[in-house]
Amino acid sequence: MKTTFNHHLNQLKVKSLGFTLIELLVASSLSILFVIVVSTMFFVTTINSTKIEAKRKIKNTGNEVKNTLDFLIKNSLRLMPNDTGQTCSQTPSDSLKLKNLDGGITTLKLVTSADNSFIASNSTLLNPKNITAENLQFDCIRNQGGESYVHYQFDLRLGQVANQHFSSFVLLRNY
């Protein structure tokens, strides 16, 4: 009886030396599934990170453009008729012409090139070349106290990833 038990024990040891085909297939399938889940999480995180970075870049650029426009408008001597003969006191316009403290004239408008559009003054582009500016519009508002404000708005877009609308009211000090 003892030899039969040892014989069965030896047979079990021989059979347990390797893995069956089913065990290998299950282990391989679980490994592949794990790799797919981890790589999907990595790509989703990377895409979300890219979108967040694009939105941050749009917001920072928009705030820089707003600060520049606010400064130019606030420190102008007066508003002048633009290239189409409109002054800001009329209907909304796509450009604004300002008489500066130094006697110079600055025109703020949307400039379009072959591959992009920019908010520009006479001397510089206010948004970088990889960010598209759209829908620039200027309005003048006079409140009941007689104070004049310029309201402007514009949109910035970075490819198909991110876009944002910007708007501001600027009190005209010298109007």
N, C-alpha and C. Protein backbone atom coordinates (compact mmCIF):
# COMPACT_ATOMS: atom_id res chain seq x y z
N MET A 1 0.81 -1.17 0.00
CA MET A 1 0.00 0.00 0.00
C MET A 1 0.87 1.25 0.00
N LYS A 2 1.98 1.15 0.72
CA LYS A 2 2.86 2.27 0.77
C LYS A 2 3.48 2.57 -0.60
N THR A 3 3.80 1.56 -1.35
CA THR A 3 4.36 1.78 -2.68
C THR A 3 3.34 2.39 -3.62
N THR A 4 2.09 2.08 -3.50
CA THR A 4 1.04 2.66 -4.36
C THR A 4 0.90 4.14 -4.07
N PHE A 5 0.96 4.48 -2.80
CA PHE A 5 0.84 5.90 -2.44
C PHE A 5 2.02 6.69 -3.01
N ASN A 6 3.23 6.14 -2.86
CA ASN A 6 4.42 6.81 -3.40
C ASN A 6 4.36 6.90 -4.91
N HIS A 7 3.83 5.86 -5.53
CA HIS A 7 3.71 5.86 -6.98
C HIS A 7 2.78 6.99 -7.43
N HIS A 8 1.62 7.15 -6.75
CA HIS A 8 0.68 8.25 -7.09
C HIS A 8 1.29 9.62 -6.82
N LEU A 9 2.05 9.70 -5.73
CA LEU A 9 2.70 10.96 -5.38
C LEU A 9 3.71 11.35 -6.45
N ASN A 10 4.47 10.40 -6.93
CA ASN A 10 5.44 10.66 -8.00
C ASN A 10 4.75 11.09 -9.29
N GLN A 11 3.62 10.49 -9.59
CA GLN A 11 2.88 10.87 -10.80
C GLN A 11 2.36 12.31 -10.69
N LEU A 12 1.91 12.69 -9.49
CA LEU A 12 1.45 14.06 -9.30
C LEU A 12 2.60 15.05 -9.46
N LYS A 13 3.77 14.69 -8.96
CA LYS A 13 4.93 15.57 -9.07
C LYS A 13 5.32 15.75 -10.53
N VAL A 14 5.25 14.70 -11.31
CA VAL A 14 5.61 14.77 -12.73
C VAL A 14 4.62 15.67 -13.46
N LYS A 15 3.34 15.56 -13.16
CA LYS A 15 2.32 16.35 -13.84
C LYS A 15 2.39 17.82 -13.44
N SER A 16 2.88 18.17 -12.28
CA SER A 16 2.88 19.56 -11.83
C SER A 16 4.17 20.29 -12.18
N LEU A 17 5.03 19.74 -12.99
CA LEU A 17 6.27 20.40 -13.35
C LEU A 17 6.07 21.53 -14.36
N GLY A 18 5.01 21.60 -15.10
CA GLY A 18 4.81 22.62 -16.12
C GLY A 18 3.40 23.19 -16.05
N PHE A 19 3.11 24.13 -16.97
CA PHE A 19 1.78 24.74 -17.05
C PHE A 19 1.04 24.15 -18.23
N THR A 20 -0.25 24.05 -18.06
CA THR A 20 -1.05 23.55 -19.18
C THR A 20 -1.27 24.68 -20.17
N LEU A 21 -1.70 24.34 -21.35
CA LEU A 21 -1.96 25.32 -22.40
C LEU A 21 -3.04 26.31 -21.96
N ILE A 22 -4.05 25.83 -21.28
CA ILE A 22 -5.14 26.69 -20.81
C ILE A 22 -4.60 27.71 -19.80
N GLU A 23 -3.76 27.26 -18.88
CA GLU A 23 -3.18 28.17 -17.90
C GLU A 23 -2.33 29.25 -18.58
N LEU A 24 -1.57 28.87 -19.57
CA LEU A 24 -0.76 29.85 -20.30
C LEU A 24 -1.63 30.85 -21.06
N LEU A 25 -2.69 30.39 -21.68
CA LEU A 25 -3.60 31.27 -22.40
C LEU A 25 -4.29 32.26 -21.46
N VAL A 26 -4.73 31.78 -20.31
CA VAL A 26 -5.39 32.66 -19.33
C VAL A 26 -4.39 33.71 -18.83
N ALA A 27 -3.18 33.30 -18.49
CA ALA A 27 -2.16 34.23 -18.01
C ALA A 27 -1.81 35.25 -19.09
N SER A 28 -1.68 34.82 -20.33
CA SER A 28 -1.38 35.74 -21.43
C SER A 28 -2.53 36.72 -21.65
N SER A 29 -3.74 36.24 -21.61
CA SER A 29 -4.91 37.10 -21.80
C SER A 29 -5.00 38.16 -20.70
N LEU A 30 -4.77 37.75 -19.47
CA LEU A 30 -4.79 38.72 -18.36
C LEU A 30 -3.68 39.74 -18.50
N SER A 31 -2.51 39.32 -18.93
CA SER A 31 -1.39 40.25 -19.13
C SER A 31 -1.70 41.26 -20.23
N ILE A 32 -2.25 40.78 -21.33
CA ILE A 32 -2.61 41.66 -22.45
C ILE A 32 -3.69 42.64 -22.01
N LEU A 33 -4.68 42.17 -21.28
CA LEU A 33 -5.74 43.04 -20.79
C LEU A 33 -5.17 44.12 -19.87
N PHE A 34 -4.25 43.76 -19.01
CA PHE A 34 -3.60 44.73 -18.12
C PHE A 34 -2.84 45.79 -18.92
N VAL A 35 -2.09 45.37 -19.93
CA VAL A 35 -1.33 46.31 -20.76
C VAL A 35 -2.28 47.25 -21.50
N ILE A 36 -3.39 46.76 -22.00
CA ILE A 36 -4.37 47.60 -22.71
C ILE A 36 -4.96 48.64 -21.76
N VAL A 37 -5.34 48.23 -20.57
CA VAL A 37 -5.92 49.17 -19.59
C VAL A 37 -4.91 50.24 -19.20
N VAL A 38 -3.69 49.86 -18.93
CA VAL A 38 -2.66 50.82 -18.52
C VAL A 38 -2.34 51.78 -19.67
N SER A 39 -2.21 51.27 -20.89
CA SER A 39 -1.88 52.15 -22.02
C SER A 39 -3.04 53.10 -22.33
N THR A 40 -4.28 52.64 -22.19
CA THR A 40 -5.44 53.51 -22.40
C THR A 40 -5.44 54.63 -21.36
N MET A 41 -5.18 54.30 -20.13
CA MET A 41 -5.12 55.32 -19.08
C MET A 41 -4.01 56.33 -19.37
N PHE A 42 -2.88 55.86 -19.87
CA PHE A 42 -1.77 56.74 -20.20
C PHE A 42 -2.15 57.71 -21.32
N PHE A 43 -2.77 57.20 -22.39
CA PHE A 43 -3.14 58.05 -23.51
C PHE A 43 -4.23 59.05 -23.12
N VAL A 44 -5.20 58.64 -22.33
CA VAL A 44 -6.25 59.56 -21.88
C VAL A 44 -5.64 60.67 -21.02
N THR A 45 -4.73 60.32 -20.15
CA THR A 45 -4.06 61.31 -19.30
C THR A 45 -3.25 62.28 -20.16
N THR A 46 -2.56 61.77 -21.15
CA THR A 46 -1.76 62.62 -22.04
C THR A 46 -2.64 63.57 -22.83
N ILE A 47 -3.75 63.09 -23.36
CA ILE A 47 -4.67 63.93 -24.12
C ILE A 47 -5.28 65.00 -23.22
N ASN A 48 -5.71 64.63 -22.03
CA ASN A 48 -6.27 65.60 -21.09
C ASN A 48 -5.23 66.65 -20.69
N SER A 49 -4.01 66.22 -20.50
CA SER A 49 -2.93 67.14 -20.15
C SER A 49 -2.70 68.14 -21.28
N THR A 50 -2.76 67.68 -22.52
CA THR A 50 -2.60 68.56 -23.68
C THR A 50 -3.73 69.58 -23.75
N LYS A 51 -4.95 69.15 -23.49
CA LYS A 51 -6.10 70.07 -23.51
C LYS A 51 -5.98 71.11 -22.40
N ILE A 52 -5.58 70.69 -21.22
CA ILE A 52 -5.44 71.61 -20.10
C ILE A 52 -4.35 72.63 -20.40
N GLU A 53 -3.25 72.19 -20.96
CA GLU A 53 -2.16 73.10 -21.32
C GLU A 53 -2.61 74.09 -22.39
N ALA A 54 -3.38 73.64 -23.37
CA ALA A 54 -3.88 74.53 -24.42
C ALA A 54 -4.84 75.57 -23.84
N LYS A 55 -5.72 75.15 -22.94
CA LYS A 55 -6.65 76.09 -22.31
C LYS A 55 -5.90 77.13 -21.47
N ARG A 56 -4.86 76.69 -20.77
CA ARG A 56 -4.05 77.61 -19.98
C ARG A 56 -3.36 78.63 -20.87
N LYS A 57 -2.83 78.15 -21.99
CA LYS A 57 -2.15 79.04 -22.93
C LYS A 57 -3.11 80.06 -23.52
N ILE A 58 -4.31 79.62 -23.88
CA ILE A 58 -5.34 80.53 -24.42
C ILE A 58 -5.70 81.59 -23.37
N LYS A 59 -5.92 81.16 -22.15
CA LYS A 59 -6.31 82.09 -21.09
C LYS A 59 -5.23 83.12 -20.83
N ASN A 60 -3.97 82.68 -20.74
CA ASN A 60 -2.86 83.60 -20.51
C ASN A 60 -2.70 84.59 -21.66
N THR A 61 -2.80 84.09 -22.89
CA THR A 61 -2.69 84.97 -24.05
C THR A 61 -3.83 85.97 -24.08
N GLY A 62 -5.04 85.51 -23.82
CA GLY A 62 -6.20 86.40 -23.80
C GLY A 62 -6.06 87.49 -22.75
N ASN A 63 -5.55 87.15 -21.58
CA ASN A 63 -5.35 88.15 -20.53
C ASN A 63 -4.27 89.16 -20.93
N GLU A 64 -3.22 88.70 -21.59
CA GLU A 64 -2.18 89.62 -22.07
C GLU A 64 -2.74 90.58 -23.12
N VAL A 65 -3.54 90.06 -24.05
CA VAL A 65 -4.15 90.90 -25.08
C VAL A 65 -5.09 91.91 -24.42
N LYS A 66 -5.90 91.45 -23.47
CA LYS A 66 -6.81 92.37 -22.76
C LYS A 66 -6.04 93.46 -22.03
N ASN A 67 -4.97 93.11 -21.35
CA ASN A 67 -4.18 94.12 -20.64
C ASN A 67 -3.62 95.17 -21.60
N THR A 68 -3.15 94.73 -22.76
CA THR A 68 -2.61 95.65 -23.75
C THR A 68 -3.71 96.55 -24.30
N LEU A 69 -4.85 95.96 -24.67
CA LEU A 69 -5.96 96.76 -25.18
C LEU A 69 -6.46 97.75 -24.13
N ASP A 70 -6.60 97.29 -22.90
CA ASP A 70 -7.04 98.16 -21.81
C ASP A 70 -6.09 99.36 -21.67
N PHE A 71 -4.80 99.09 -21.67
CA PHE A 71 -3.80 100.15 -21.51
C PHE A 71 -3.89 101.15 -22.65
N LEU A 72 -3.94 100.67 -23.88
CA LEU A 72 -3.98 101.57 -25.04
C LEU A 72 -5.25 102.42 -25.04
N ILE A 73 -6.38 101.81 -24.75
CA ILE A 73 -7.65 102.54 -24.77
C ILE A 73 -7.71 103.53 -23.61
N LYS A 74 -7.34 103.08 -22.42
CA LYS A 74 -7.42 103.91 -21.21
C LYS A 74 -6.53 105.14 -21.31
N ASN A 75 -5.38 105.00 -21.94
CA ASN A 75 -4.41 106.08 -22.00
C ASN A 75 -4.45 106.88 -23.30
N SER A 76 -5.49 106.71 -24.09
CA SER A 76 -5.60 107.49 -25.33
C SER A 76 -6.17 108.88 -25.03
N LEU A 77 -5.86 109.83 -25.91
CA LEU A 77 -6.41 111.18 -25.78
C LEU A 77 -7.87 111.22 -26.21
N ARG A 78 -8.14 110.54 -27.33
CA ARG A 78 -9.52 110.51 -27.82
C ARG A 78 -9.68 109.42 -28.87
N LEU A 79 -10.92 109.11 -29.17
CA LEU A 79 -11.25 108.16 -30.22
C LEU A 79 -11.37 108.93 -31.53
N MET A 80 -10.99 108.28 -32.60
CA MET A 80 -11.05 108.91 -33.92
C MET A 80 -11.82 108.01 -34.87
N PRO A 81 -12.32 108.57 -35.99
CA PRO A 81 -12.97 107.70 -36.99
C PRO A 81 -11.97 106.69 -37.53
N ASN A 82 -12.43 105.44 -37.67
CA ASN A 82 -11.54 104.39 -38.18
C ASN A 82 -11.50 104.45 -39.72
N ASP A 83 -10.90 103.45 -40.34
CA ASP A 83 -10.71 103.45 -41.79
C ASP A 83 -12.02 103.46 -42.57
N THR A 84 -13.10 102.99 -41.96
CA THR A 84 -14.41 103.00 -42.62
C THR A 84 -15.22 104.23 -42.23
N GLY A 85 -14.61 105.15 -41.49
CA GLY A 85 -15.29 106.38 -41.11
C GLY A 85 -16.13 106.28 -39.85
N GLN A 86 -16.13 105.12 -39.22
CA GLN A 86 -16.91 104.93 -38.00
C GLN A 86 -16.11 105.38 -36.78
N THR A 87 -16.81 106.03 -35.87
CA THR A 87 -16.23 106.22 -34.54
C THR A 87 -16.94 105.25 -33.62
N CYS A 88 -16.38 105.06 -32.50
CA CYS A 88 -16.92 104.07 -31.58
C CYS A 88 -18.31 104.45 -31.08
N SER A 89 -18.68 105.71 -31.23
CA SER A 89 -19.99 106.13 -30.72
C SER A 89 -21.13 105.65 -31.61
N GLN A 90 -20.80 105.11 -32.77
CA GLN A 90 -21.84 104.61 -33.67
C GLN A 90 -22.05 103.11 -33.41
N THR A 91 -22.48 102.41 -34.40
CA THR A 91 -22.74 100.98 -34.26
C THR A 91 -21.44 100.23 -34.00
N PRO A 92 -21.52 99.01 -33.49
CA PRO A 92 -20.30 98.22 -33.21
C PRO A 92 -19.39 98.16 -34.44
N SER A 93 -18.10 98.16 -34.17
CA SER A 93 -17.12 98.20 -35.24
C SER A 93 -16.08 97.11 -35.03
N ASP A 94 -15.41 96.73 -36.12
CA ASP A 94 -14.36 95.72 -36.03
C ASP A 94 -12.97 96.35 -35.87
N SER A 95 -12.92 97.69 -35.78
CA SER A 95 -11.64 98.36 -35.53
C SER A 95 -11.87 99.60 -34.68
N LEU A 96 -10.81 100.05 -34.05
CA LEU A 96 -10.88 101.22 -33.18
C LEU A 96 -9.62 102.05 -33.41
N LYS A 97 -9.82 103.34 -33.67
CA LYS A 97 -8.69 104.24 -33.91
C LYS A 97 -8.57 105.19 -32.74
N LEU A 98 -7.34 105.31 -32.20
CA LEU A 98 -7.08 106.10 -31.00
C LEU A 98 -6.02 107.16 -31.27
N LYS A 99 -6.22 108.34 -30.73
CA LYS A 99 -5.18 109.38 -30.72
C LYS A 99 -4.43 109.20 -29.41
N ASN A 100 -3.11 108.98 -29.50
CA ASN A 100 -2.28 108.70 -28.33
C ASN A 100 -1.80 109.99 -27.66
N LEU A 101 -1.30 109.87 -26.46
CA LEU A 101 -0.76 111.01 -25.72
C LEU A 101 0.42 111.66 -26.43
N ASP A 102 1.19 110.86 -27.18
CA ASP A 102 2.35 111.41 -27.89
C ASP A 102 1.98 112.00 -29.25
N GLY A 103 0.68 112.05 -29.55
CA GLY A 103 0.22 112.61 -30.82
C GLY A 103 0.08 111.59 -31.92
N GLY A 104 0.60 110.39 -31.71
CA GLY A 104 0.48 109.34 -32.72
C GLY A 104 -0.92 108.75 -32.75
N ILE A 105 -1.17 107.98 -33.78
CA ILE A 105 -2.48 107.34 -33.94
C ILE A 105 -2.28 105.83 -33.98
N THR A 106 -3.08 105.14 -33.19
CA THR A 106 -3.04 103.68 -33.15
C THR A 106 -4.38 103.13 -33.61
N THR A 107 -4.34 102.19 -34.53
CA THR A 107 -5.54 101.50 -34.97
C THR A 107 -5.49 100.06 -34.46
N LEU A 108 -6.52 99.66 -33.77
CA LEU A 108 -6.66 98.29 -33.27
C LEU A 108 -7.65 97.57 -34.16
N LYS A 109 -7.24 96.43 -34.71
CA LYS A 109 -8.14 95.71 -35.62
C LYS A 109 -7.70 94.26 -35.75
N LEU A 110 -8.53 93.50 -36.44
CA LEU A 110 -8.23 92.11 -36.74
C LEU A 110 -7.53 92.06 -38.09
N VAL A 111 -6.34 91.47 -38.13
CA VAL A 111 -5.56 91.36 -39.36
C VAL A 111 -5.51 89.88 -39.74
N THR A 112 -5.80 89.60 -41.00
CA THR A 112 -5.83 88.22 -41.46
C THR A 112 -4.67 87.97 -42.42
N SER A 113 -3.95 86.88 -42.18
CA SER A 113 -2.90 86.45 -43.10
C SER A 113 -3.39 85.19 -43.81
N ALA A 114 -2.51 84.57 -44.58
CA ALA A 114 -2.89 83.38 -45.34
C ALA A 114 -3.33 82.22 -44.45
N ASP A 115 -2.72 82.10 -43.27
CA ASP A 115 -3.01 80.94 -42.44
C ASP A 115 -3.53 81.25 -41.05
N ASN A 116 -3.73 82.55 -40.71
CA ASN A 116 -4.17 82.87 -39.36
C ASN A 116 -4.73 84.29 -39.32
N SER A 117 -5.34 84.63 -38.19
CA SER A 117 -5.79 86.01 -37.98
C SER A 117 -5.34 86.47 -36.60
N PHE A 118 -5.05 87.78 -36.50
CA PHE A 118 -4.44 88.33 -35.30
C PHE A 118 -5.12 89.62 -34.91
N ILE A 119 -5.10 89.91 -33.61
CA ILE A 119 -5.46 91.24 -33.13
C ILE A 119 -4.18 92.05 -33.22
N ALA A 120 -4.26 93.22 -33.89
CA ALA A 120 -3.03 93.98 -34.15
C ALA A 120 -3.24 95.46 -33.91
N SER A 121 -2.15 96.11 -33.56
CA SER A 121 -2.09 97.57 -33.56
C SER A 121 -1.25 97.94 -34.79
N ASN A 122 -0.94 99.21 -34.95
CA ASN A 122 -0.13 99.62 -36.10
C ASN A 122 1.22 98.92 -36.13
N SER A 123 1.79 98.68 -34.97
CA SER A 123 3.17 98.23 -34.91
C SER A 123 3.38 96.77 -34.54
N THR A 124 2.38 96.09 -34.03
CA THR A 124 2.63 94.73 -33.55
C THR A 124 1.37 93.86 -33.57
N LEU A 125 1.60 92.57 -33.57
CA LEU A 125 0.52 91.59 -33.40
C LEU A 125 0.40 91.32 -31.91
N LEU A 126 -0.83 91.27 -31.41
CA LEU A 126 -1.03 91.10 -29.98
C LEU A 126 -1.17 89.64 -29.55
N ASN A 127 -1.49 88.75 -30.47
CA ASN A 127 -1.55 87.33 -30.13
C ASN A 127 -0.49 86.58 -30.94
N PRO A 128 0.06 85.48 -30.39
CA PRO A 128 1.10 84.72 -31.11
C PRO A 128 0.56 84.06 -32.37
N LYS A 129 1.48 83.63 -33.22
CA LYS A 129 1.11 83.09 -34.53
C LYS A 129 0.37 81.76 -34.46
N ASN A 130 0.54 81.00 -33.39
CA ASN A 130 -0.14 79.70 -33.29
C ASN A 130 -1.54 79.82 -32.67
N ILE A 131 -1.93 81.01 -32.26
CA ILE A 131 -3.26 81.22 -31.67
C ILE A 131 -4.05 82.14 -32.60
N THR A 132 -5.24 81.71 -32.97
CA THR A 132 -6.09 82.45 -33.90
C THR A 132 -7.04 83.37 -33.14
N ALA A 133 -7.11 84.62 -33.59
CA ALA A 133 -8.06 85.58 -33.02
C ALA A 133 -9.25 85.69 -33.96
N GLU A 134 -10.44 85.81 -33.38
CA GLU A 134 -11.67 85.89 -34.18
C GLU A 134 -12.66 86.82 -33.50
N ASN A 135 -13.61 87.31 -34.29
CA ASN A 135 -14.79 88.04 -33.78
C ASN A 135 -14.44 89.26 -32.93
N LEU A 136 -13.44 90.03 -33.34
CA LEU A 136 -13.09 91.25 -32.61
C LEU A 136 -14.16 92.31 -32.89
N GLN A 137 -14.65 92.92 -31.81
CA GLN A 137 -15.71 93.92 -31.95
C GLN A 137 -15.56 94.97 -30.85
N PHE A 138 -15.72 96.24 -31.25
CA PHE A 138 -15.65 97.37 -30.33
C PHE A 138 -17.01 98.06 -30.28
N ASP A 139 -17.43 98.47 -29.09
CA ASP A 139 -18.67 99.22 -28.85
C ASP A 139 -18.37 100.36 -27.90
N CYS A 140 -19.10 101.45 -28.02
CA CYS A 140 -18.98 102.52 -27.02
C CYS A 140 -20.28 102.60 -26.24
N ILE A 141 -20.13 102.85 -24.96
CA ILE A 141 -21.29 102.96 -24.08
C ILE A 141 -21.10 104.21 -23.23
N ARG A 142 -22.14 105.00 -23.11
CA ARG A 142 -22.11 106.17 -22.24
C ARG A 142 -23.14 105.92 -21.15
N ASN A 143 -22.68 105.98 -19.89
CA ASN A 143 -23.61 105.74 -18.78
C ASN A 143 -24.38 107.02 -18.45
N GLN A 144 -25.28 106.94 -17.49
CA GLN A 144 -26.14 108.09 -17.14
C GLN A 144 -25.34 109.26 -16.58
N GLY A 145 -24.18 108.98 -16.01
CA GLY A 145 -23.33 110.04 -15.48
C GLY A 145 -22.51 110.73 -16.56
N GLY A 146 -22.62 110.27 -17.79
CA GLY A 146 -21.90 110.88 -18.90
C GLY A 146 -20.52 110.26 -19.16
N GLU A 147 -20.14 109.25 -18.39
CA GLU A 147 -18.85 108.62 -18.61
C GLU A 147 -18.93 107.69 -19.82
N SER A 148 -17.87 107.69 -20.62
CA SER A 148 -17.82 106.84 -21.81
C SER A 148 -16.94 105.62 -21.56
N TYR A 149 -17.42 104.50 -22.02
CA TYR A 149 -16.71 103.23 -21.91
C TYR A 149 -16.56 102.63 -23.30
N VAL A 150 -15.47 101.95 -23.50
CA VAL A 150 -15.32 101.11 -24.70
C VAL A 150 -15.50 99.67 -24.23
N HIS A 151 -16.42 98.99 -24.87
CA HIS A 151 -16.60 97.57 -24.62
C HIS A 151 -16.02 96.84 -25.83
N TYR A 152 -15.13 95.92 -25.59
CA TYR A 152 -14.61 95.12 -26.70
C TYR A 152 -14.71 93.64 -26.33
N GLN A 153 -14.74 92.83 -27.36
CA GLN A 153 -14.79 91.39 -27.17
C GLN A 153 -14.08 90.70 -28.33
N PHE A 154 -13.55 89.51 -28.05
CA PHE A 154 -12.87 88.73 -29.07
C PHE A 154 -12.79 87.28 -28.60
N ASP A 155 -12.51 86.40 -29.54
CA ASP A 155 -12.33 84.98 -29.26
C ASP A 155 -10.92 84.58 -29.65
N LEU A 156 -10.32 83.69 -28.89
CA LEU A 156 -9.03 83.11 -29.23
C LEU A 156 -9.19 81.61 -29.34
N ARG A 157 -8.49 81.02 -30.32
CA ARG A 157 -8.59 79.59 -30.58
C ARG A 157 -7.21 79.01 -30.84
N LEU A 158 -6.95 77.86 -30.26
CA LEU A 158 -5.71 77.13 -30.50
C LEU A 158 -6.08 75.82 -31.18
N GLY A 159 -6.00 75.81 -32.51
CA GLY A 159 -6.38 74.63 -33.29
C GLY A 159 -7.81 74.22 -32.97
N GLN A 160 -8.03 72.94 -32.88
CA GLN A 160 -9.35 72.41 -32.52
C GLN A 160 -9.39 72.02 -31.04
N VAL A 161 -8.30 72.30 -30.32
CA VAL A 161 -8.17 71.85 -28.94
C VAL A 161 -8.88 72.76 -27.95
N ALA A 162 -8.70 74.08 -28.09
CA ALA A 162 -9.24 74.99 -27.09
C ALA A 162 -9.63 76.32 -27.72
N ASN A 163 -10.68 76.92 -27.18
CA ASN A 163 -11.07 78.28 -27.56
C ASN A 163 -11.72 78.94 -26.35
N GLN A 164 -11.66 80.29 -26.34
CA GLN A 164 -12.24 81.03 -25.22
C GLN A 164 -12.65 82.41 -25.69
N HIS A 165 -13.73 82.91 -25.09
CA HIS A 165 -14.26 84.25 -25.37
C HIS A 165 -13.74 85.21 -24.31
N PHE A 166 -13.35 86.41 -24.74
CA PHE A 166 -12.86 87.44 -23.83
C PHE A 166 -13.65 88.72 -24.06
N SER A 167 -13.86 89.47 -22.99
CA SER A 167 -14.64 90.70 -23.07
C SER A 167 -14.19 91.64 -21.96
N SER A 168 -14.24 92.96 -22.23
CA SER A 168 -13.84 93.92 -21.22
C SER A 168 -14.50 95.27 -21.47
N PHE A 169 -14.67 96.03 -20.40
CA PHE A 169 -15.15 97.41 -20.46
C PHE A 169 -14.01 98.30 -19.98
N VAL A 170 -13.72 99.36 -20.73
CA VAL A 170 -12.63 100.26 -20.37
C VAL A 170 -13.18 101.68 -20.31
N LEU A 171 -12.98 102.32 -19.15
CA LEU A 171 -13.39 103.72 -18.98
C LEU A 171 -12.42 104.61 -19.74
N LEU A 172 -12.99 105.48 -20.57
CA LEU A 172 -12.15 106.44 -21.30
C LEU A 172 -11.86 107.62 -20.39
N ARG A 173 -10.62 107.81 -20.05
CA ARG A 173 -10.23 108.89 -19.13
C ARG A 173 -10.25 110.25 -19.81
N ASN A 174 -9.88 110.30 -21.07
CA ASN A 174 -9.66 111.59 -21.73
C ASN A 174 -10.68 111.87 -22.82
N TYR A 175 -11.81 111.23 -22.81
CA TYR A 175 -12.76 111.40 -23.91
C TYR A 175 -13.72 112.50 -23.63
